[in-house]
Amino acid sequence: MAKTELENRWSLHGATALVTGGSKGIGQAIVEELARLGAKVHTCARNQQELDKALQHWQSLKLDVTASVCDVSSRAEREKLMEKVSSLFDGKLSILINNAGTNLVKTALEFKEEDYGFLMSTNLESAFHLSQLAHPLLKASGIGRIVFISSC
């Protein structure tokens, strides 16, 4: 297969993507790969400084990436994020990558109710709720895809 055929086969030009937790680690690698393949990417993270550092890096690579602060453990912040994504991408989203996650290093007996709630709202509820919120945007794109990521 000629290189141009392969490049066209893997092209995401015209696609839009939301990657949660994209300022570092697996999320950052996903953001960069999607953008290199031509997608317009929006990402989020809890930490503005980490986002700013990542945005500078992506700008130096000339990648089409935007970002906003969002604590995905918060229902209200998830709703605000999806409003932003809808506005940025004209109501269409091609790809949702539910990547944001966290961990607390404690023994089971040390866990408090708030710890458990934070873990569940970040790692489980956020992915489900964001998928629900994204549904109309994914449907409007005609090619919507959702990817769930987990790690320890």
N, C-alpha and C. Protein backbone atom coordinates (compact mmCIF):
# COMPACT_ATOMS: atom_id res chain seq x y z
N MET A 1 0.85 -1.18 0.00
CA MET A 1 0.00 0.00 0.00
C MET A 1 0.89 1.24 0.00
N ALA A 2 0.62 2.15 -0.90
CA ALA A 2 1.39 3.39 -0.99
C ALA A 2 1.18 4.23 0.27
N LYS A 3 2.16 5.02 0.59
CA LYS A 3 2.10 5.83 1.80
C LYS A 3 0.88 6.76 1.80
N THR A 4 0.58 7.40 0.67
CA THR A 4 -0.56 8.31 0.63
C THR A 4 -1.87 7.58 0.87
N GLU A 5 -1.99 6.34 0.39
CA GLU A 5 -3.20 5.54 0.65
C GLU A 5 -3.31 5.26 2.15
N LEU A 6 -2.20 4.90 2.78
CA LEU A 6 -2.20 4.63 4.21
C LEU A 6 -2.54 5.88 4.99
N GLU A 7 -1.96 7.02 4.59
CA GLU A 7 -2.25 8.27 5.28
C GLU A 7 -3.74 8.61 5.17
N ASN A 8 -4.32 8.43 3.99
CA ASN A 8 -5.75 8.71 3.81
C ASN A 8 -6.61 7.77 4.63
N ARG A 9 -6.20 6.52 4.71
CA ARG A 9 -6.96 5.52 5.46
C ARG A 9 -7.05 5.89 6.94
N TRP A 10 -6.00 6.48 7.47
CA TRP A 10 -5.96 6.82 8.89
C TRP A 10 -6.25 8.29 9.16
N SER A 11 -6.74 9.00 8.19
CA SER A 11 -7.00 10.42 8.35
C SER A 11 -8.24 10.66 9.23
N LEU A 12 -8.12 11.61 10.13
CA LEU A 12 -9.25 12.05 10.94
C LEU A 12 -9.61 13.51 10.62
N HIS A 13 -9.19 13.98 9.45
CA HIS A 13 -9.52 15.35 9.04
C HIS A 13 -11.03 15.52 9.03
N GLY A 14 -11.50 16.59 9.67
CA GLY A 14 -12.92 16.86 9.77
C GLY A 14 -13.56 16.27 11.02
N ALA A 15 -12.84 15.39 11.71
CA ALA A 15 -13.37 14.78 12.94
C ALA A 15 -13.12 15.71 14.13
N THR A 16 -13.97 15.56 15.14
CA THR A 16 -13.81 16.29 16.39
C THR A 16 -13.74 15.29 17.53
N ALA A 17 -12.98 15.63 18.56
CA ALA A 17 -12.79 14.68 19.66
C ALA A 17 -12.71 15.41 21.00
N LEU A 18 -13.28 14.77 22.01
CA LEU A 18 -13.12 15.20 23.39
C LEU A 18 -12.39 14.10 24.13
N VAL A 19 -11.28 14.46 24.76
CA VAL A 19 -10.49 13.52 25.56
C VAL A 19 -10.45 14.05 26.99
N THR A 20 -11.06 13.33 27.92
CA THR A 20 -10.99 13.77 29.31
C THR A 20 -9.64 13.35 29.89
N GLY A 21 -9.13 14.17 30.80
CA GLY A 21 -7.85 13.87 31.43
C GLY A 21 -6.70 13.86 30.44
N GLY A 22 -6.64 14.86 29.57
CA GLY A 22 -5.66 14.85 28.50
C GLY A 22 -4.39 15.62 28.72
N SER A 23 -4.15 16.11 29.92
CA SER A 23 -2.96 16.95 30.13
C SER A 23 -1.69 16.16 30.42
N LYS A 24 -1.83 14.86 30.67
CA LYS A 24 -0.64 14.05 30.97
C LYS A 24 -0.93 12.57 30.72
N GLY A 25 0.11 11.79 30.70
CA GLY A 25 -0.01 10.34 30.61
C GLY A 25 -0.70 9.83 29.35
N ILE A 26 -1.52 8.81 29.54
CA ILE A 26 -2.24 8.18 28.43
C ILE A 26 -3.10 9.21 27.69
N GLY A 27 -3.78 10.06 28.43
CA GLY A 27 -4.64 11.07 27.82
C GLY A 27 -3.88 12.00 26.91
N GLN A 28 -2.72 12.46 27.34
CA GLN A 28 -1.91 13.36 26.53
C GLN A 28 -1.48 12.66 25.24
N ALA A 29 -1.09 11.40 25.32
CA ALA A 29 -0.69 10.66 24.12
C ALA A 29 -1.87 10.51 23.16
N ILE A 30 -3.06 10.29 23.69
CA ILE A 30 -4.25 10.16 22.84
C ILE A 30 -4.56 11.49 22.16
N VAL A 31 -4.52 12.58 22.92
CA VAL A 31 -4.75 13.91 22.35
C VAL A 31 -3.80 14.14 21.18
N GLU A 32 -2.53 13.88 21.39
CA GLU A 32 -1.53 14.13 20.35
C GLU A 32 -1.75 13.26 19.12
N GLU A 33 -2.07 12.00 19.32
CA GLU A 33 -2.27 11.10 18.18
C GLU A 33 -3.51 11.50 17.37
N LEU A 34 -4.60 11.80 18.05
CA LEU A 34 -5.81 12.22 17.34
C LEU A 34 -5.55 13.50 16.55
N ALA A 35 -4.87 14.46 17.17
CA ALA A 35 -4.57 15.73 16.49
C ALA A 35 -3.61 15.52 15.33
N ARG A 36 -2.62 14.66 15.50
CA ARG A 36 -1.69 14.38 14.39
C ARG A 36 -2.41 13.74 13.21
N LEU A 37 -3.46 12.99 13.49
CA LEU A 37 -4.25 12.36 12.43
C LEU A 37 -5.26 13.33 11.82
N GLY A 38 -5.31 14.56 12.33
CA GLY A 38 -6.12 15.59 11.72
C GLY A 38 -7.37 16.00 12.45
N ALA A 39 -7.68 15.37 13.58
CA ALA A 39 -8.89 15.73 14.32
C ALA A 39 -8.68 17.06 15.06
N LYS A 40 -9.78 17.78 15.24
CA LYS A 40 -9.80 18.92 16.15
C LYS A 40 -10.11 18.34 17.52
N VAL A 41 -9.26 18.61 18.49
CA VAL A 41 -9.37 17.96 19.80
C VAL A 41 -9.58 18.99 20.90
N HIS A 42 -10.50 18.67 21.81
CA HIS A 42 -10.65 19.44 23.04
C HIS A 42 -10.37 18.47 24.18
N THR A 43 -9.67 18.94 25.18
CA THR A 43 -9.39 18.11 26.33
C THR A 43 -9.65 18.90 27.60
N CYS A 44 -9.65 18.19 28.70
CA CYS A 44 -9.85 18.83 29.99
C CYS A 44 -9.00 18.15 31.05
N ALA A 45 -8.79 18.88 32.13
CA ALA A 45 -8.10 18.37 33.31
C ALA A 45 -8.48 19.27 34.47
N ARG A 46 -8.20 18.81 35.69
CA ARG A 46 -8.53 19.61 36.87
C ARG A 46 -7.57 20.76 37.10
N ASN A 47 -6.36 20.66 36.58
CA ASN A 47 -5.30 21.59 36.92
C ASN A 47 -4.98 22.54 35.77
N GLN A 48 -5.22 23.84 35.96
CA GLN A 48 -4.98 24.84 34.91
C GLN A 48 -3.52 24.90 34.52
N GLN A 49 -2.60 24.81 35.48
CA GLN A 49 -1.18 24.90 35.17
C GLN A 49 -0.73 23.75 34.28
N GLU A 50 -1.21 22.53 34.57
CA GLU A 50 -0.87 21.38 33.72
C GLU A 50 -1.45 21.56 32.32
N LEU A 51 -2.68 22.08 32.24
CA LEU A 51 -3.28 22.33 30.92
C LEU A 51 -2.49 23.37 30.14
N ASP A 52 -2.10 24.44 30.80
CA ASP A 52 -1.33 25.49 30.13
C ASP A 52 -0.02 24.95 29.58
N LYS A 53 0.66 24.13 30.37
CA LYS A 53 1.93 23.53 29.94
C LYS A 53 1.69 22.62 28.73
N ALA A 54 0.65 21.80 28.79
CA ALA A 54 0.33 20.91 27.68
C ALA A 54 -0.05 21.70 26.43
N LEU A 55 -0.85 22.77 26.59
CA LEU A 55 -1.25 23.59 25.45
C LEU A 55 -0.04 24.23 24.77
N GLN A 56 0.91 24.70 25.56
CA GLN A 56 2.12 25.27 24.97
C GLN A 56 2.85 24.22 24.14
N HIS A 57 2.93 23.00 24.67
CA HIS A 57 3.59 21.90 23.96
C HIS A 57 2.87 21.62 22.65
N TRP A 58 1.54 21.53 22.69
CA TRP A 58 0.77 21.23 21.48
C TRP A 58 0.86 22.36 20.46
N GLN A 59 0.89 23.59 20.95
CA GLN A 59 1.04 24.72 20.03
C GLN A 59 2.39 24.66 19.33
N SER A 60 3.44 24.26 20.05
CA SER A 60 4.77 24.15 19.45
C SER A 60 4.79 23.06 18.37
N LEU A 61 3.92 22.06 18.50
CA LEU A 61 3.81 20.99 17.51
C LEU A 61 2.80 21.33 16.41
N LYS A 62 2.16 22.51 16.53
CA LYS A 62 1.15 22.98 15.58
C LYS A 62 -0.05 22.02 15.51
N LEU A 63 -0.46 21.52 16.67
CA LEU A 63 -1.62 20.63 16.75
C LEU A 63 -2.87 21.44 17.10
N ASP A 64 -4.00 21.05 16.54
CA ASP A 64 -5.27 21.76 16.74
C ASP A 64 -5.94 21.22 18.00
N VAL A 65 -5.53 21.78 19.14
CA VAL A 65 -6.03 21.32 20.44
C VAL A 65 -6.45 22.52 21.28
N THR A 66 -7.63 22.40 21.89
CA THR A 66 -8.09 23.38 22.87
C THR A 66 -8.29 22.65 24.18
N ALA A 67 -8.42 23.41 25.26
CA ALA A 67 -8.55 22.77 26.57
C ALA A 67 -9.31 23.66 27.53
N SER A 68 -9.91 23.03 28.51
CA SER A 68 -10.57 23.76 29.59
C SER A 68 -10.46 22.97 30.88
N VAL A 69 -10.54 23.71 31.98
CA VAL A 69 -10.49 23.08 33.29
C VAL A 69 -11.85 22.44 33.57
N CYS A 70 -11.81 21.20 34.02
CA CYS A 70 -13.03 20.49 34.40
C CYS A 70 -12.67 19.39 35.39
N ASP A 71 -13.32 19.41 36.52
CA ASP A 71 -13.22 18.31 37.47
C ASP A 71 -14.37 17.37 37.14
N VAL A 72 -14.06 16.27 36.46
CA VAL A 72 -15.13 15.38 35.99
C VAL A 72 -15.90 14.70 37.12
N SER A 73 -15.44 14.84 38.36
CA SER A 73 -16.21 14.30 39.49
C SER A 73 -17.45 15.14 39.77
N SER A 74 -17.51 16.33 39.18
CA SER A 74 -18.62 17.26 39.40
C SER A 74 -19.60 17.22 38.23
N ARG A 75 -20.85 16.89 38.53
CA ARG A 75 -21.90 16.84 37.52
C ARG A 75 -22.04 18.20 36.80
N ALA A 76 -22.05 19.28 37.57
CA ALA A 76 -22.19 20.61 36.99
C ALA A 76 -21.02 20.94 36.06
N GLU A 77 -19.82 20.57 36.44
CA GLU A 77 -18.66 20.84 35.59
C GLU A 77 -18.69 19.99 34.32
N ARG A 78 -19.19 18.76 34.42
CA ARG A 78 -19.34 17.92 33.21
C ARG A 78 -20.33 18.56 32.24
N GLU A 79 -21.42 19.08 32.77
CA GLU A 79 -22.42 19.73 31.93
C GLU A 79 -21.84 20.97 31.26
N LYS A 80 -21.08 21.75 32.01
CA LYS A 80 -20.42 22.94 31.46
C LYS A 80 -19.41 22.55 30.37
N LEU A 81 -18.67 21.47 30.61
CA LEU A 81 -17.70 20.98 29.62
C LEU A 81 -18.41 20.63 28.31
N MET A 82 -19.51 19.91 28.40
CA MET A 82 -20.18 19.48 27.18
C MET A 82 -20.80 20.67 26.44
N GLU A 83 -21.24 21.69 27.17
CA GLU A 83 -21.71 22.92 26.52
C GLU A 83 -20.57 23.57 25.74
N LYS A 84 -19.40 23.61 26.34
CA LYS A 84 -18.22 24.18 25.69
C LYS A 84 -17.88 23.40 24.42
N VAL A 85 -17.88 22.08 24.53
CA VAL A 85 -17.56 21.21 23.38
C VAL A 85 -18.58 21.42 22.27
N SER A 86 -19.85 21.48 22.62
CA SER A 86 -20.90 21.71 21.63
C SER A 86 -20.68 23.03 20.91
N SER A 87 -20.32 24.05 21.65
CA SER A 87 -20.08 25.37 21.07
C SER A 87 -18.85 25.35 20.15
N LEU A 88 -17.77 24.73 20.60
CA LEU A 88 -16.53 24.67 19.82
C LEU A 88 -16.70 23.90 18.51
N PHE A 89 -17.49 22.82 18.56
CA PHE A 89 -17.58 21.90 17.43
C PHE A 89 -18.93 21.96 16.71
N ASP A 90 -19.62 23.09 16.86
CA ASP A 90 -20.89 23.30 16.16
C ASP A 90 -21.89 22.17 16.38
N GLY A 91 -21.97 21.70 17.61
CA GLY A 91 -22.97 20.69 17.97
C GLY A 91 -22.69 19.29 17.48
N LYS A 92 -21.46 19.04 17.02
CA LYS A 92 -21.10 17.71 16.51
C LYS A 92 -19.82 17.22 17.17
N LEU A 93 -19.85 15.99 17.62
CA LEU A 93 -18.67 15.36 18.23
C LEU A 93 -18.50 13.99 17.59
N SER A 94 -17.32 13.73 17.07
CA SER A 94 -17.05 12.45 16.42
C SER A 94 -16.58 11.39 17.40
N ILE A 95 -15.78 11.81 18.38
CA ILE A 95 -15.12 10.85 19.27
C ILE A 95 -15.14 11.38 20.71
N LEU A 96 -15.58 10.54 21.62
CA LEU A 96 -15.48 10.83 23.06
C LEU A 96 -14.57 9.80 23.68
N ILE A 97 -13.48 10.26 24.27
CA ILE A 97 -12.55 9.37 24.97
C ILE A 97 -12.70 9.63 26.46
N ASN A 98 -13.33 8.71 27.17
CA ASN A 98 -13.47 8.80 28.63
C ASN A 98 -12.19 8.23 29.25
N ASN A 99 -11.25 9.12 29.50
CA ASN A 99 -9.93 8.72 29.98
C ASN A 99 -9.64 9.17 31.41
N ALA A 100 -10.29 10.25 31.86
CA ALA A 100 -9.97 10.79 33.19
C ALA A 100 -10.21 9.74 34.27
N GLY A 101 -9.30 9.68 35.19
CA GLY A 101 -9.44 8.76 36.31
C GLY A 101 -8.49 9.13 37.42
N THR A 102 -8.74 8.57 38.57
CA THR A 102 -7.89 8.87 39.72
C THR A 102 -7.82 7.65 40.62
N ASN A 103 -6.96 7.72 41.59
CA ASN A 103 -6.80 6.63 42.55
C ASN A 103 -6.38 7.24 43.89
N LEU A 104 -6.82 6.63 44.94
CA LEU A 104 -6.38 7.01 46.28
C LEU A 104 -5.68 5.80 46.88
N VAL A 105 -4.47 6.01 47.35
CA VAL A 105 -3.69 4.91 47.90
C VAL A 105 -3.93 4.83 49.40
N LYS A 106 -4.86 3.97 49.76
CA LYS A 106 -5.21 3.74 51.16
C LYS A 106 -5.66 2.29 51.29
N THR A 107 -5.61 1.81 52.50
CA THR A 107 -6.21 0.49 52.73
C THR A 107 -7.73 0.66 52.75
N ALA A 108 -8.43 -0.41 52.53
CA ALA A 108 -9.90 -0.37 52.51
C ALA A 108 -10.45 0.19 53.82
N LEU A 109 -9.83 -0.13 54.93
CA LEU A 109 -10.32 0.34 56.22
C LEU A 109 -10.07 1.84 56.45
N GLU A 110 -9.12 2.40 55.71
CA GLU A 110 -8.82 3.83 55.83
C GLU A 110 -9.76 4.69 54.98
N PHE A 111 -10.45 4.08 54.02
CA PHE A 111 -11.34 4.84 53.13
C PHE A 111 -12.51 5.42 53.89
N LYS A 112 -12.76 6.69 53.63
CA LYS A 112 -13.92 7.38 54.18
C LYS A 112 -15.01 7.40 53.11
N GLU A 113 -16.21 7.72 53.50
CA GLU A 113 -17.33 7.80 52.56
C GLU A 113 -17.02 8.79 51.44
N GLU A 114 -16.40 9.93 51.78
CA GLU A 114 -16.07 10.95 50.77
C GLU A 114 -15.05 10.42 49.76
N ASP A 115 -14.08 9.62 50.24
CA ASP A 115 -13.08 9.04 49.35
C ASP A 115 -13.75 8.14 48.32
N TYR A 116 -14.62 7.27 48.79
CA TYR A 116 -15.32 6.35 47.90
C TYR A 116 -16.18 7.13 46.90
N GLY A 117 -16.90 8.13 47.38
CA GLY A 117 -17.74 8.95 46.51
C GLY A 117 -16.92 9.65 45.43
N PHE A 118 -15.76 10.18 45.81
CA PHE A 118 -14.89 10.86 44.86
C PHE A 118 -14.39 9.89 43.78
N LEU A 119 -13.96 8.70 44.21
CA LEU A 119 -13.49 7.70 43.25
C LEU A 119 -14.59 7.29 42.28
N MET A 120 -15.76 7.02 42.80
CA MET A 120 -16.86 6.57 41.94
C MET A 120 -17.34 7.67 41.01
N SER A 121 -17.41 8.90 41.50
CA SER A 121 -17.87 9.99 40.64
C SER A 121 -16.84 10.33 39.56
N THR A 122 -15.56 10.16 39.86
CA THR A 122 -14.51 10.43 38.88
C THR A 122 -14.36 9.29 37.89
N ASN A 123 -14.25 8.07 38.39
CA ASN A 123 -13.88 6.94 37.54
C ASN A 123 -15.05 6.25 36.86
N LEU A 124 -16.24 6.33 37.42
CA LEU A 124 -17.37 5.60 36.86
C LEU A 124 -18.50 6.53 36.41
N GLU A 125 -19.02 7.30 37.34
CA GLU A 125 -20.16 8.16 37.03
C GLU A 125 -19.84 9.16 35.92
N SER A 126 -18.63 9.71 35.92
CA SER A 126 -18.29 10.72 34.92
C SER A 126 -18.34 10.14 33.51
N ALA A 127 -17.82 8.95 33.34
CA ALA A 127 -17.83 8.33 32.00
C ALA A 127 -19.25 8.07 31.52
N PHE A 128 -20.09 7.57 32.41
CA PHE A 128 -21.49 7.30 32.05
C PHE A 128 -22.22 8.61 31.72
N HIS A 129 -22.09 9.61 32.60
CA HIS A 129 -22.79 10.87 32.41
C HIS A 129 -22.29 11.61 31.17
N LEU A 130 -20.98 11.66 30.96
CA LEU A 130 -20.45 12.32 29.77
C LEU A 130 -20.92 11.62 28.50
N SER A 131 -21.04 10.32 28.54
CA SER A 131 -21.56 9.58 27.38
C SER A 131 -23.01 9.97 27.11
N GLN A 132 -23.79 10.11 28.17
CA GLN A 132 -25.17 10.56 28.00
C GLN A 132 -25.22 11.97 27.42
N LEU A 133 -24.44 12.87 27.99
CA LEU A 133 -24.41 14.26 27.52
C LEU A 133 -23.92 14.37 26.08
N ALA A 134 -22.99 13.52 25.71
CA ALA A 134 -22.39 13.57 24.37
C ALA A 134 -23.30 12.95 23.31
N HIS A 135 -24.25 12.14 23.72
CA HIS A 135 -25.06 11.39 22.76
C HIS A 135 -25.62 12.24 21.62
N PRO A 136 -26.29 13.37 21.90
CA PRO A 136 -26.82 14.16 20.78
C PRO A 136 -25.73 14.68 19.84
N LEU A 137 -24.57 15.02 20.39
CA LEU A 137 -23.46 15.52 19.57
C LEU A 137 -22.85 14.40 18.73
N LEU A 138 -22.72 13.23 19.32
CA LEU A 138 -22.19 12.07 18.60
C LEU A 138 -23.14 11.66 17.48
N LYS A 139 -24.42 11.67 17.78
CA LYS A 139 -25.43 11.32 16.78
C LYS A 139 -25.42 12.33 15.64
N ALA A 140 -25.30 13.61 15.97
CA ALA A 140 -25.29 14.68 14.95
C ALA A 140 -24.10 14.56 14.01
N SER A 141 -22.98 14.00 14.50
CA SER A 141 -21.80 13.86 13.66
C SER A 141 -21.98 12.75 12.63
N GLY A 142 -22.86 11.80 12.91
CA GLY A 142 -23.08 10.69 12.00
C GLY A 142 -22.05 9.59 12.10
N ILE A 143 -21.00 9.81 12.89
CA ILE A 143 -19.94 8.80 13.01
C ILE A 143 -19.48 8.63 14.46
N GLY A 144 -20.31 9.01 15.40
CA GLY A 144 -19.90 9.05 16.80
C GLY A 144 -19.36 7.75 17.36
N ARG A 145 -18.29 7.88 18.12
CA ARG A 145 -17.64 6.73 18.78
C ARG A 145 -17.31 7.11 20.21
N ILE A 146 -17.45 6.15 21.13
CA ILE A 146 -17.07 6.36 22.52
C ILE A 146 -16.02 5.31 22.89
N VAL A 147 -14.95 5.76 23.54
CA VAL A 147 -13.90 4.87 24.02
C VAL A 147 -13.76 5.06 25.52
N PHE A 148 -13.72 3.95 26.25
CA PHE A 148 -13.51 3.98 27.69
C PHE A 148 -12.11 3.46 27.99
N ILE A 149 -11.37 4.19 28.82
CA ILE A 149 -10.02 3.81 29.20
C ILE A 149 -10.00 3.55 30.71
N SER A 150 -9.25 2.56 31.12
CA SER A 150 -9.03 2.38 32.56
C SER A 150 -7.59 1.91 32.76
N SER A 151 -7.07 2.20 33.93
CA SER A 151 -5.74 1.75 34.29
C SER A 151 -5.68 1.78 35.82
N CYS A 152 -4.59 1.30 36.36
CA CYS A 152 -4.48 1.37 37.81
C CYS A 152 -3.29 2.21 38.21
